[in-house]
Amino acid sequence: MNDDSAGPVYTPPVCPVCQARFRGSAQCSRCGADLSALMLLAVHGYALRQAARQLLRQGDSGAALASAQEAQRLHATPQGNDLQWVCMAMANAPDRVS
């Protein structure tokens, strides 16, 4: 039985041409395919996760959640999944009263 309740399983990025593991290079080490688009997605996802962290520090959990979700859509990572859950918890938390 397949239990998807924990969310999607992380799979590291691979070359879309030959399925070789992505090594952070603009060119696949196995087949020579141009991987610059993959690199741009990874960089953009990283920037969105950084923005989500900053927005959480500023108290804007709604915008942080949107940023974290977009980051995961572009380039899913285990850490991004954790960040998304934190943002979701903060966005749904009742307002604190001092």
C-alpha atoms as a PDB file:
ATOM      1  CA  MET A   1       0.000   0.000   0.000  1.00  0.00           C
ATOM      2  CA  ASN A   2       1.339   3.436  -0.951  1.00  0.00           C
ATOM      3  CA  ASP A   3       1.022   6.064   1.805  1.00  0.00           C
ATOM      4  CA  ASP A   4       1.326   9.602   0.389  1.00  0.00           C
ATOM      5  CA  SER A   5       0.283  11.317   3.621  1.00  0.00           C
ATOM      6  CA  ALA A   6       3.857  12.422   4.339  1.00  0.00           C
ATOM      7  CA  GLY A   7       4.028  14.336   1.064  1.00  0.00           C
ATOM      8  CA  PRO A   8       6.102  13.743  -2.023  1.00  0.00           C
ATOM      9  CA  VAL A   9       9.322  11.768  -1.776  1.00  0.00           C
ATOM     10  CA  TYR A  10      12.394  13.837  -2.584  1.00  0.00           C
ATOM     11  CA  THR A  11      14.341  12.703  -5.617  1.00  0.00           C
ATOM     12  CA  PRO A  12      17.587  14.477  -6.489  1.00  0.00           C
ATOM     13  CA  PRO A  13      17.605  16.266  -9.847  1.00  0.00           C
ATOM     14  CA  VAL A  14      18.881  14.298 -12.822  1.00  0.00           C
ATOM     15  CA  CYS A  15      19.807  15.096 -16.391  1.00  0.00           C
ATOM     16  CA  PRO A  16      16.577  15.098 -18.413  1.00  0.00           C
ATOM     17  CA  VAL A  17      18.435  13.508 -21.349  1.00  0.00           C
ATOM     18  CA  CYS A  18      20.376  10.598 -19.834  1.00  0.00           C
ATOM     19  CA  GLN A  19      19.170  10.545 -16.192  1.00  0.00           C
ATOM     20  CA  ALA A  20      22.689  11.043 -14.794  1.00  0.00           C
ATOM     21  CA  ARG A  21      22.783  12.605 -11.341  1.00  0.00           C
ATOM     22  CA  PHE A  22      22.917  16.406 -11.432  1.00  0.00           C
ATOM     23  CA  ARG A  23      26.333  17.521 -10.187  1.00  0.00           C
ATOM     24  CA  GLY A  24      25.852  21.283 -10.204  1.00  0.00           C
ATOM     25  CA  SER A  25      27.531  21.802 -13.559  1.00  0.00           C
ATOM     26  CA  ALA A  26      26.022  23.618 -16.530  1.00  0.00           C
ATOM     27  CA  GLN A  27      26.834  20.616 -18.713  1.00  0.00           C
ATOM     28  CA  CYS A  28      25.975  16.965 -18.001  1.00  0.00           C
ATOM     29  CA  SER A  29      29.137  15.021 -17.235  1.00  0.00           C
ATOM     30  CA  ARG A  30      27.753  11.951 -18.988  1.00  0.00           C
ATOM     31  CA  CYS A  31      26.014  13.145 -22.175  1.00  0.00           C
ATOM     32  CA  GLY A  32      27.007  16.808 -22.459  1.00  0.00           C
ATOM     33  CA  ALA A  33      23.435  18.170 -22.332  1.00  0.00           C
ATOM     34  CA  ASP A  34      22.991  21.836 -21.402  1.00  0.00           C
ATOM     35  CA  LEU A  35      21.734  21.922 -17.801  1.00  0.00           C
ATOM     36  CA  SER A  36      21.787  25.682 -17.313  1.00  0.00           C
ATOM     37  CA  ALA A  37      17.970  25.798 -17.073  1.00  0.00           C
ATOM     38  CA  LEU A  38      18.110  23.283 -14.180  1.00  0.00           C
ATOM     39  CA  MET A  39      20.730  25.419 -12.485  1.00  0.00           C
ATOM     40  CA  LEU A  40      18.590  28.542 -12.860  1.00  0.00           C
ATOM     41  CA  LEU A  41      15.602  26.766 -11.302  1.00  0.00           C
ATOM     42  CA  ALA A  42      17.735  25.603  -8.376  1.00  0.00           C
ATOM     43  CA  VAL A  43      19.122  29.110  -7.826  1.00  0.00           C
ATOM     44  CA  HIS A  44      15.671  30.687  -8.056  1.00  0.00           C
ATOM     45  CA  GLY A  45      14.295  28.121  -5.600  1.00  0.00           C
ATOM     46  CA  TYR A  46      17.137  28.897  -3.194  1.00  0.00           C
ATOM     47  CA  ALA A  47      16.437  32.639  -3.433  1.00  0.00           C
ATOM     48  CA  LEU A  48      12.736  32.060  -2.755  1.00  0.00           C
ATOM     49  CA  ARG A  49      13.554  29.940   0.321  1.00  0.00           C
ATOM     50  CA  GLN A  50      15.854  32.694   1.582  1.00  0.00           C
ATOM     51  CA  ALA A  51      13.047  35.220   1.027  1.00  0.00           C
ATOM     52  CA  ALA A  52      10.628  32.958   2.930  1.00  0.00           C
ATOM     53  CA  ARG A  53      13.016  32.823   5.899  1.00  0.00           C
ATOM     54  CA  GLN A  54      13.360  36.596   5.892  1.00  0.00           C
ATOM     55  CA  LEU A  55       9.600  37.063   5.668  1.00  0.00           C
ATOM     56  CA  LEU A  56       9.147  34.751   8.661  1.00  0.00           C
ATOM     57  CA  ARG A  57      11.636  36.849  10.641  1.00  0.00           C
ATOM     58  CA  GLN A  58       9.606  39.941   9.684  1.00  0.00           C
ATOM     59  CA  GLY A  59       6.383  38.276  10.824  1.00  0.00           C
ATOM     60  CA  ASP A  60       4.770  37.956   7.390  1.00  0.00           C
ATOM     61  CA  SER A  61       3.933  34.265   7.520  1.00  0.00           C
ATOM     62  CA  GLY A  62       1.424  34.414   4.654  1.00  0.00           C
ATOM     63  CA  ALA A  63       3.977  35.805   2.207  1.00  0.00           C
ATOM     64  CA  ALA A  64       6.609  33.423   3.609  1.00  0.00           C
ATOM     65  CA  LEU A  65       4.327  30.471   2.893  1.00  0.00           C
ATOM     66  CA  ALA A  66       3.693  31.652  -0.671  1.00  0.00           C
ATOM     67  CA  SER A  67       7.443  32.026  -1.241  1.00  0.00           C
ATOM     68  CA  ALA A  68       8.227  28.609   0.254  1.00  0.00           C
ATOM     69  CA  GLN A  69       5.539  26.949  -1.852  1.00  0.00           C
ATOM     70  CA  GLU A  70       6.825  28.572  -5.042  1.00  0.00           C
ATOM     71  CA  ALA A  71      10.361  27.475  -4.167  1.00  0.00           C
ATOM     72  CA  GLN A  72       9.198  23.876  -3.780  1.00  0.00           C
ATOM     73  CA  ARG A  73       7.291  24.067  -7.055  1.00  0.00           C
ATOM     74  CA  LEU A  74      10.441  25.201  -8.869  1.00  0.00           C
ATOM     75  CA  HIS A  75      13.049  23.066  -7.101  1.00  0.00           C
ATOM     76  CA  ALA A  76      11.882  20.739  -4.345  1.00  0.00           C
ATOM     77  CA  THR A  77      14.316  19.928  -1.551  1.00  0.00           C
ATOM     78  CA  PRO A  78      13.909  18.201   1.825  1.00  0.00           C
ATOM     79  CA  GLN A  79      14.860  21.444   3.604  1.00  0.00           C
ATOM     80  CA  GLY A  80      12.365  23.342   1.466  1.00  0.00           C
ATOM     81  CA  ASN A  81       9.674  20.894   2.504  1.00  0.00           C
ATOM     82  CA  ASP A  82      10.522  21.524   6.177  1.00  0.00           C
ATOM     83  CA  LEU A  83      10.450  25.286   5.592  1.00  0.00           C
ATOM     84  CA  GLN A  84       7.079  24.994   3.890  1.00  0.00           C
ATOM     85  CA  TRP A  85       5.662  23.136   6.908  1.00  0.00           C
ATOM     86  CA  VAL A  86       7.034  25.774   9.304  1.00  0.00           C
ATOM     87  CA  CYS A  87       5.539  28.560   7.203  1.00  0.00           C
ATOM     88  CA  MET A  88       2.213  26.736   7.064  1.00  0.00           C
ATOM     89  CA  ALA A  89       2.198  26.296  10.847  1.00  0.00           C
ATOM     90  CA  MET A  90       3.036  29.946  11.398  1.00  0.00           C
ATOM     91  CA  ALA A  91       0.424  31.124   8.896  1.00  0.00           C
ATOM     92  CA  ASN A  92      -2.251  29.055  10.640  1.00  0.00           C
ATOM     93  CA  ALA A  93      -1.176  29.877  14.192  1.00  0.00           C
ATOM     94  CA  PRO A  94      -3.499  32.119  16.193  1.00  0.00           C
ATOM     95  CA  ASP A  95      -2.244  35.654  16.706  1.00  0.00           C
ATOM     96  CA  ARG A  96      -0.193  36.080  19.854  1.00  0.00           C
ATOM     97  CA  VAL A  97      -1.488  38.449  22.466  1.00  0.00           C
ATOM     98  CA  SER A  98       1.107  40.171  24.642  1.00  0.00           C
END
